[in-house]
Amino acid sequence: MTLKPRLTGEPIMRILCKKTDSLVGYLYQWNNGDLQPAWLKDAMADVRYEPIDQITTESPLDLQDSARKSHDPSHLQNV
């Protein structure tokens, strides 16, 4: 643990139960380098960690634009 304050954190790993493979929490990394588990229910010992894949690198505005296009059939060719 560092002396710098924790200001922001982001989830870097999923915490999964080894027996059931169910999601039981997330591992967060704070701006100061600290790691901290955030459990969905009670803490567990028999777990494994899985990296969180970045689903998209697009900004929210790009996602809104692509959603708008998917609802607008004008970009489709005549079939």
PDB file of N, CA and C in Angstrom:
ATOM      1  N   MET A   1       0.848  -1.180   0.000  1.00  0.00           N
ATOM      2  CA  MET A   1       0.000   0.000   0.000  1.00  0.00           C
ATOM      3  C   MET A   1       0.888   1.234   0.000  1.00  0.00           C
ATOM      4  N   THR A   2       0.542   2.191  -0.834  1.00  0.00           N
ATOM      5  CA  THR A   2       1.345   3.402  -0.940  1.00  0.00           C
ATOM      6  C   THR A   2       0.750   4.513  -0.092  1.00  0.00           C
ATOM      7  N   LEU A   3       1.525   5.563   0.065  1.00  0.00           N
ATOM      8  CA  LEU A   3       1.054   6.714   0.838  1.00  0.00           C
ATOM      9  C   LEU A   3       0.231   7.673  -0.011  1.00  0.00           C
ATOM     10  N   LYS A   4       0.303   7.538  -1.343  1.00  0.00           N
ATOM     11  CA  LYS A   4      -0.489   8.399  -2.219  1.00  0.00           C
ATOM     12  C   LYS A   4      -1.968   8.037  -2.077  1.00  0.00           C
ATOM     13  N   PRO A   5      -2.855   9.032  -2.175  1.00  0.00           N
ATOM     14  CA  PRO A   5      -4.289   8.735  -2.023  1.00  0.00           C
ATOM     15  C   PRO A   5      -4.851   7.991  -3.237  1.00  0.00           C
ATOM     16  N   ARG A   6      -5.858   7.182  -2.976  1.00  0.00           N
ATOM     17  CA  ARG A   6      -6.589   6.501  -4.045  1.00  0.00           C
ATOM     18  C   ARG A   6      -7.647   7.468  -4.571  1.00  0.00           C
ATOM     19  N   LEU A   7      -7.475   7.915  -5.792  1.00  0.00           N
ATOM     20  CA  LEU A   7      -8.429   8.852  -6.371  1.00  0.00           C
ATOM     21  C   LEU A   7      -9.335   8.177  -7.395  1.00  0.00           C
ATOM     22  N   THR A   8      -8.738   7.391  -8.264  1.00  0.00           N
ATOM     23  CA  THR A   8      -9.519   6.693  -9.282  1.00  0.00           C
ATOM     24  C   THR A   8      -9.044   5.251  -9.381  1.00  0.00           C
ATOM     25  N   GLY A   9      -9.959   4.381  -9.715  1.00  0.00           N
ATOM     26  CA  GLY A   9      -9.622   2.973  -9.894  1.00  0.00           C
ATOM     27  C   GLY A   9     -10.370   2.414 -11.081  1.00  0.00           C
ATOM     28  N   GLU A  10      -9.807   1.373 -11.676  1.00  0.00           N
ATOM     29  CA  GLU A  10     -10.499   0.720 -12.779  1.00  0.00           C
ATOM     30  C   GLU A  10     -10.354  -0.786 -12.650  1.00  0.00           C
ATOM     31  N   PRO A  11     -11.386  -1.522 -13.068  1.00  0.00           N
ATOM     32  CA  PRO A  11     -11.300  -2.980 -12.991  1.00  0.00           C
ATOM     33  C   PRO A  11     -10.319  -3.496 -14.038  1.00  0.00           C
ATOM     34  N   ILE A  12      -9.397  -4.358 -13.611  1.00  0.00           N
ATOM     35  CA  ILE A  12      -8.409  -4.904 -14.539  1.00  0.00           C
ATOM     36  C   ILE A  12      -8.544  -6.413 -14.702  1.00  0.00           C
ATOM     37  N   MET A  13      -9.226  -7.071 -13.762  1.00  0.00           N
ATOM     38  CA  MET A  13      -9.407  -8.519 -13.824  1.00  0.00           C
ATOM     39  C   MET A  13     -10.791  -8.891 -13.307  1.00  0.00           C
ATOM     40  N   ARG A  14     -11.346  -9.958 -13.880  1.00  0.00           N
ATOM     41  CA  ARG A  14     -12.541 -10.577 -13.315  1.00  0.00           C
ATOM     42  C   ARG A  14     -12.068 -11.604 -12.299  1.00  0.00           C
ATOM     43  N   ILE A  15     -12.779 -11.732 -11.196  1.00  0.00           N
ATOM     44  CA  ILE A  15     -12.480 -12.763 -10.212  1.00  0.00           C
ATOM     45  C   ILE A  15     -13.548 -13.842 -10.371  1.00  0.00           C
ATOM     46  N   LEU A  16     -13.102 -15.066 -10.701  1.00  0.00           N
ATOM     47  CA  LEU A  16     -14.017 -16.167 -10.980  1.00  0.00           C
ATOM     48  C   LEU A  16     -13.824 -17.290  -9.973  1.00  0.00           C
ATOM     49  N   CYS A  17     -14.921 -17.926  -9.586  1.00  0.00           N
ATOM     50  CA  CYS A  17     -14.874 -19.098  -8.709  1.00  0.00           C
ATOM     51  C   CYS A  17     -14.228 -20.246  -9.480  1.00  0.00           C
ATOM     52  N   LYS A  18     -13.244 -20.916  -8.875  1.00  0.00           N
ATOM     53  CA  LYS A  18     -12.569 -22.035  -9.547  1.00  0.00           C
ATOM     54  C   LYS A  18     -13.504 -23.215  -9.777  1.00  0.00           C
ATOM     55  N   LYS A  19     -14.458 -23.414  -8.899  1.00  0.00           N
ATOM     56  CA  LYS A  19     -15.351 -24.574  -9.002  1.00  0.00           C
ATOM     57  C   LYS A  19     -16.447 -24.372 -10.043  1.00  0.00           C
ATOM     58  N   THR A  20     -17.040 -23.181 -10.073  1.00  0.00           N
ATOM     59  CA  THR A  20     -18.203 -22.955 -10.931  1.00  0.00           C
ATOM     60  C   THR A  20     -17.928 -22.043 -12.121  1.00  0.00           C
ATOM     61  N   ASP A  21     -16.780 -21.391 -12.137  1.00  0.00           N
ATOM     62  CA  ASP A  21     -16.439 -20.395 -13.167  1.00  0.00           C
ATOM     63  C   ASP A  21     -17.385 -19.192 -13.151  1.00  0.00           C
ATOM     64  N   SER A  22     -18.143 -19.021 -12.088  1.00  0.00           N
ATOM     65  CA  SER A  22     -19.043 -17.873 -12.017  1.00  0.00           C
ATOM     66  C   SER A  22     -18.283 -16.636 -11.537  1.00  0.00           C
ATOM     67  N   LEU A  23     -18.746 -15.491 -11.977  1.00  0.00           N
ATOM     68  CA  LEU A  23     -18.141 -14.218 -11.595  1.00  0.00           C
ATOM     69  C   LEU A  23     -18.450 -13.933 -10.132  1.00  0.00           C
ATOM     70  N   VAL A  24     -17.409 -13.701  -9.331  1.00  0.00           N
ATOM     71  CA  VAL A  24     -17.610 -13.417  -7.907  1.00  0.00           C
ATOM     72  C   VAL A  24     -17.073 -12.042  -7.513  1.00  0.00           C
ATOM     73  N   GLY A  25     -16.393 -11.356  -8.440  1.00  0.00           N
ATOM     74  CA  GLY A  25     -15.886 -10.028  -8.129  1.00  0.00           C
ATOM     75  C   GLY A  25     -14.985  -9.497  -9.223  1.00  0.00           C
ATOM     76  N   TYR A  26     -14.412  -8.322  -8.947  1.00  0.00           N
ATOM     77  CA  TYR A  26     -13.479  -7.665  -9.862  1.00  0.00           C
ATOM     78  C   TYR A  26     -12.251  -7.229  -9.082  1.00  0.00           C
ATOM     79  N   LEU A  27     -11.104  -7.260  -9.730  1.00  0.00           N
ATOM     80  CA  LEU A  27      -9.879  -6.744  -9.137  1.00  0.00           C
ATOM     81  C   LEU A  27      -9.640  -5.361  -9.719  1.00  0.00           C
ATOM     82  N   TYR A  28      -9.550  -4.367  -8.835  1.00  0.00           N
ATOM     83  CA  TYR A  28      -9.345  -2.987  -9.251  1.00  0.00           C
ATOM     84  C   TYR A  28      -7.900  -2.573  -9.052  1.00  0.00           C
ATOM     85  N   GLN A  29      -7.411  -1.742  -9.973  1.00  0.00           N
ATOM     86  CA  GLN A  29      -6.109  -1.104  -9.800  1.00  0.00           C
ATOM     87  C   GLN A  29      -6.359   0.386  -9.656  1.00  0.00           C
ATOM     88  N   TRP A  30      -5.819   0.942  -8.580  1.00  0.00           N
ATOM     89  CA  TRP A  30      -5.999   2.349  -8.276  1.00  0.00           C
ATOM     90  C   TRP A  30      -4.909   3.187  -8.929  1.00  0.00           C
ATOM     91  N   ASN A  31      -5.146   4.483  -9.016  1.00  0.00           N
ATOM     92  CA  ASN A  31      -4.190   5.402  -9.627  1.00  0.00           C
ATOM     93  C   ASN A  31      -2.823   5.372  -8.949  1.00  0.00           C
ATOM     94  N   ASN A  32      -2.777   4.970  -7.681  1.00  0.00           N
ATOM     95  CA  ASN A  32      -1.499   4.934  -6.958  1.00  0.00           C
ATOM     96  C   ASN A  32      -0.826   3.559  -7.048  1.00  0.00           C
ATOM     97  N   GLY A  33      -1.413   2.635  -7.823  1.00  0.00           N
ATOM     98  CA  GLY A  33      -0.823   1.310  -8.000  1.00  0.00           C
ATOM     99  C   GLY A  33      -1.390   0.236  -7.094  1.00  0.00           C
ATOM    100  N   ASP A  34      -2.157   0.611  -6.072  1.00  0.00           N
ATOM    101  CA  ASP A  34      -2.759  -0.378  -5.173  1.00  0.00           C
ATOM    102  C   ASP A  34      -3.725  -1.277  -5.939  1.00  0.00           C
ATOM    103  N   LEU A  35      -3.805  -2.534  -5.522  1.00  0.00           N
ATOM    104  CA  LEU A  35      -4.783  -3.481  -6.051  1.00  0.00           C
ATOM    105  C   LEU A  35      -5.781  -3.800  -4.954  1.00  0.00           C
ATOM    106  N   GLN A  36      -7.059  -3.918  -5.333  1.00  0.00           N
ATOM    107  CA  GLN A  36      -8.099  -4.182  -4.343  1.00  0.00           C
ATOM    108  C   GLN A  36      -9.212  -5.004  -4.976  1.00  0.00           C
ATOM    109  N   PRO A  37      -9.578  -6.139  -4.353  1.00  0.00           N
ATOM    110  CA  PRO A  37     -10.717  -6.896  -4.871  1.00  0.00           C
ATOM    111  C   PRO A  37     -12.031  -6.238  -4.450  1.00  0.00           C
ATOM    112  N   ALA A  38     -13.000  -6.312  -5.329  1.00  0.00           N
ATOM    113  CA  ALA A  38     -14.360  -5.861  -5.023  1.00  0.00           C
ATOM    114  C   ALA A  38     -15.264  -7.075  -5.240  1.00  0.00           C
ATOM    115  N   TRP A  39     -15.731  -7.639  -4.143  1.00  0.00           N
ATOM    116  CA  TRP A  39     -16.526  -8.867  -4.192  1.00  0.00           C
ATOM    117  C   TRP A  39     -17.988  -8.543  -4.448  1.00  0.00           C
ATOM    118  N   LEU A  40     -18.653  -9.371  -5.249  1.00  0.00           N
ATOM    119  CA  LEU A  40     -20.083  -9.197  -5.488  1.00  0.00           C
ATOM    120  C   LEU A  40     -20.895  -9.624  -4.272  1.00  0.00           C
ATOM    121  N   LYS A  41     -20.421 -10.643  -3.559  1.00  0.00           N
ATOM    122  CA  LYS A  41     -21.045 -11.078  -2.304  1.00  0.00           C
ATOM    123  C   LYS A  41     -19.934 -11.236  -1.286  1.00  0.00           C
ATOM    124  N   ASP A  42     -19.797 -12.418  -0.690  1.00  0.00           N
ATOM    125  CA  ASP A  42     -18.745 -12.659   0.300  1.00  0.00           C
ATOM    126  C   ASP A  42     -17.412 -12.954  -0.381  1.00  0.00           C
ATOM    127  N   ALA A  43     -16.312 -12.578   0.276  1.00  0.00           N
ATOM    128  CA  ALA A  43     -14.973 -12.878  -0.232  1.00  0.00           C
ATOM    129  C   ALA A  43     -14.773 -14.388  -0.290  1.00  0.00           C
ATOM    130  N   MET A  44     -14.013 -14.839  -1.284  1.00  0.00           N
ATOM    131  CA  MET A  44     -13.744 -16.267  -1.472  1.00  0.00           C
ATOM    132  C   MET A  44     -12.243 -16.481  -1.598  1.00  0.00           C
ATOM    133  N   ALA A  45     -11.788 -17.683  -1.230  1.00  0.00           N
ATOM    134  CA  ALA A  45     -10.362 -17.996  -1.327  1.00  0.00           C
ATOM    135  C   ALA A  45     -10.036 -18.798  -2.588  1.00  0.00           C
ATOM    136  N   ASP A  46     -10.955 -19.654  -3.030  1.00  0.00           N
ATOM    137  CA  ASP A  46     -10.693 -20.560  -4.146  1.00  0.00           C
ATOM    138  C   ASP A  46     -11.126 -19.907  -5.458  1.00  0.00           C
ATOM    139  N   VAL A  47     -10.328 -18.946  -5.939  1.00  0.00           N
ATOM    140  CA  VAL A  47     -10.692 -18.165  -7.120  1.00  0.00           C
ATOM    141  C   VAL A  47      -9.553 -18.165  -8.132  1.00  0.00           C
ATOM    142  N   ARG A  48      -9.902 -17.740  -9.331  1.00  0.00           N
ATOM    143  CA  ARG A  48      -8.900 -17.490 -10.363  1.00  0.00           C
ATOM    144  C   ARG A  48      -9.192 -16.117 -10.966  1.00  0.00           C
ATOM    145  N   TYR A  49      -8.176 -15.549 -11.599  1.00  0.00           N
ATOM    146  CA  TYR A  49      -8.298 -14.210 -12.166  1.00  0.00           C
ATOM    147  C   TYR A  49      -8.237 -14.294 -13.682  1.00  0.00           C
ATOM    148  N   GLU A  50      -9.084 -13.495 -14.329  1.00  0.00           N
ATOM    149  CA  GLU A  50      -9.132 -13.467 -15.785  1.00  0.00           C
ATOM    150  C   GLU A  50      -9.074 -12.012 -16.230  1.00  0.00           C
ATOM    151  N   PRO A  51      -8.149 -11.672 -17.144  1.00  0.00           N
ATOM    152  CA  PRO A  51      -8.063 -10.278 -17.602  1.00  0.00           C
ATOM    153  C   PRO A  51      -9.373  -9.821 -18.237  1.00  0.00           C
ATOM    154  N   ILE A  52      -9.675  -8.569 -18.058  1.00  0.00           N
ATOM    155  CA  ILE A  52     -10.850  -7.979 -18.700  1.00  0.00           C
ATOM    156  C   ILE A  52     -10.421  -7.510 -20.076  1.00  0.00           C
ATOM    157  N   ASP A  53     -11.038  -8.079 -21.107  1.00  0.00           N
ATOM    158  CA  ASP A  53     -10.742  -7.666 -22.473  1.00  0.00           C
ATOM    159  C   ASP A  53     -11.454  -6.355 -22.741  1.00  0.00           C
ATOM    160  N   GLN A  54     -10.781  -5.491 -23.453  1.00  0.00           N
ATOM    161  CA  GLN A  54     -11.419  -4.245 -23.844  1.00  0.00           C
ATOM    162  C   GLN A  54     -12.393  -4.565 -24.965  1.00  0.00           C
ATOM    163  N   ILE A  55     -13.681  -4.359 -24.713  1.00  0.00           N
ATOM    164  CA  ILE A  55     -14.707  -4.670 -25.704  1.00  0.00           C
ATOM    165  C   ILE A  55     -14.589  -3.723 -26.891  1.00  0.00           C
ATOM    166  N   THR A  56     -14.350  -2.475 -26.599  1.00  0.00           N
ATOM    167  CA  THR A  56     -14.245  -1.488 -27.664  1.00  0.00           C
ATOM    168  C   THR A  56     -13.328  -0.365 -27.225  1.00  0.00           C
ATOM    169  N   THR A  57     -12.691   0.246 -28.190  1.00  0.00           N
ATOM    170  CA  THR A  57     -11.865   1.411 -27.890  1.00  0.00           C
ATOM    171  C   THR A  57     -12.541   2.674 -28.401  1.00  0.00           C
ATOM    172  N   GLU A  58     -13.782   2.531 -28.879  1.00  0.00           N
ATOM    173  CA  GLU A  58     -14.517   3.680 -29.385  1.00  0.00           C
ATOM    174  C   GLU A  58     -15.035   4.527 -28.236  1.00  0.00           C
ATOM    175  N   SER A  59     -15.194   5.798 -28.521  1.00  0.00           N
ATOM    176  CA  SER A  59     -15.761   6.690 -27.519  1.00  0.00           C
ATOM    177  C   SER A  59     -17.272   6.496 -27.483  1.00  0.00           C
ATOM    178  N   PRO A  60     -17.930   6.937 -26.408  1.00  0.00           N
ATOM    179  CA  PRO A  60     -19.396   6.827 -26.348  1.00  0.00           C
ATOM    180  C   PRO A  60     -20.088   7.523 -27.508  1.00  0.00           C
ATOM    181  N   LEU A  61     -19.519   8.625 -28.015  1.00  0.00           N
ATOM    182  CA  LEU A  61     -20.133   9.316 -29.149  1.00  0.00           C
ATOM    183  C   LEU A  61     -20.057   8.454 -30.399  1.00  0.00           C
ATOM    184  N   ASP A  62     -18.935   7.754 -30.605  1.00  0.00           N
ATOM    185  CA  ASP A  62     -18.819   6.848 -31.742  1.00  0.00           C
ATOM    186  C   ASP A  62     -19.846   5.731 -31.637  1.00  0.00           C
ATOM    187  N   LEU A  63     -20.062   5.223 -30.428  1.00  0.00           N
ATOM    188  CA  LEU A  63     -21.031   4.154 -30.229  1.00  0.00           C
ATOM    189  C   LEU A  63     -22.442   4.631 -30.528  1.00  0.00           C
ATOM    190  N   GLN A  64     -22.763   5.874 -30.146  1.00  0.00           N
ATOM    191  CA  GLN A  64     -24.084   6.420 -30.444  1.00  0.00           C
ATOM    192  C   GLN A  64     -24.280   6.529 -31.947  1.00  0.00           C
ATOM    193  N   ASP A  65     -23.237   6.966 -32.651  1.00  0.00           N
ATOM    194  CA  ASP A  65     -23.315   7.114 -34.093  1.00  0.00           C
ATOM    195  C   ASP A  65     -23.518   5.759 -34.762  1.00  0.00           C
ATOM    196  N   SER A  66     -22.778   4.733 -34.322  1.00  0.00           N
ATOM    197  CA  SER A  66     -22.933   3.408 -34.924  1.00  0.00           C
ATOM    198  C   SER A  66     -24.303   2.821 -34.600  1.00  0.00           C
ATOM    199  N   ALA A  67     -24.841   3.101 -33.426  1.00  0.00           N
ATOM    200  CA  ALA A  67     -26.179   2.626 -33.073  1.00  0.00           C
ATOM    201  C   ALA A  67     -27.225   3.298 -33.958  1.00  0.00           C
ATOM    202  N   ARG A  68     -27.037   4.587 -34.217  1.00  0.00           N
ATOM    203  CA  ARG A  68     -27.968   5.317 -35.070  1.00  0.00           C
ATOM    204  C   ARG A  68     -27.945   4.716 -36.482  1.00  0.00           C
ATOM    205  N   LYS A  69     -26.753   4.378 -36.989  1.00  0.00           N
ATOM    206  CA  LYS A  69     -26.640   3.791 -38.322  1.00  0.00           C
ATOM    207  C   LYS A  69     -27.309   2.424 -38.380  1.00  0.00           C
ATOM    208  N   SER A  70     -27.212   1.662 -37.310  1.00  0.00           N
ATOM    209  CA  SER A  70     -27.803   0.325 -37.331  1.00  0.00           C
ATOM    210  C   SER A  70     -29.328   0.380 -37.365  1.00  0.00           C
ATOM    211  N   HIS A  71     -29.931   1.497 -36.950  1.00  0.00           N
ATOM    212  CA  HIS A  71     -31.383   1.654 -36.989  1.00  0.00           C
ATOM    213  C   HIS A  71     -31.848   2.341 -38.266  1.00  0.00           C
ATOM    214  N   ASP A  72     -30.907   2.846 -39.050  1.00  0.00           N
ATOM    215  CA  ASP A  72     -31.238   3.548 -40.279  1.00  0.00           C
ATOM    216  C   ASP A  72     -30.929   2.632 -41.460  1.00  0.00           C
ATOM    217  N   PRO A  73     -31.949   2.101 -42.151  1.00  0.00           N
ATOM    218  CA  PRO A  73     -31.702   1.138 -43.227  1.00  0.00           C
ATOM    219  C   PRO A  73     -31.183   1.773 -44.512  1.00  0.00           C
ATOM    220  N   SER A  74     -31.024   3.095 -44.576  1.00  0.00           N
ATOM    221  CA  SER A  74     -30.609   3.742 -45.818  1.00  0.00           C
ATOM    222  C   SER A  74     -29.213   3.329 -46.264  1.00  0.00           C
ATOM    223  N   HIS A  75     -28.394   2.811 -45.358  1.00  0.00           N
ATOM    224  CA  HIS A  75     -27.042   2.399 -45.737  1.00  0.00           C
ATOM    225  C   HIS A  75     -27.009   0.989 -46.332  1.00  0.00           C
ATOM    226  N   LEU A  76     -28.155   0.292 -46.325  1.00  0.00           N
ATOM    227  CA  LEU A  76     -28.214  -1.061 -46.874  1.00  0.00           C
ATOM    228  C   LEU A  76     -28.445  -1.003 -48.380  1.00  0.00           C
ATOM    229  N   GLN A  77     -27.879  -1.958 -49.091  1.00  0.00           N
ATOM    230  CA  GLN A  77     -28.084  -2.035 -50.533  1.00  0.00           C
ATOM    231  C   GLN A  77     -29.438  -2.665 -50.817  1.00  0.00           C
ATOM    232  N   ASN A  78     -29.959  -2.379 -51.998  1.00  0.00           N
ATOM    233  CA  ASN A  78     -31.217  -3.019 -52.410  1.00  0.00           C
ATOM    234  C   ASN A  78     -30.967  -4.504 -52.608  1.00  0.00           C
ATOM    235  N   VAL A  79     -31.855  -5.308 -52.088  1.00  0.00           N
ATOM    236  CA  VAL A  79     -31.700  -6.765 -52.188  1.00  0.00           C
ATOM    237  C   VAL A  79     -32.665  -7.321 -53.189  1.00  0.00           C
TER     238      VAL A  79
END
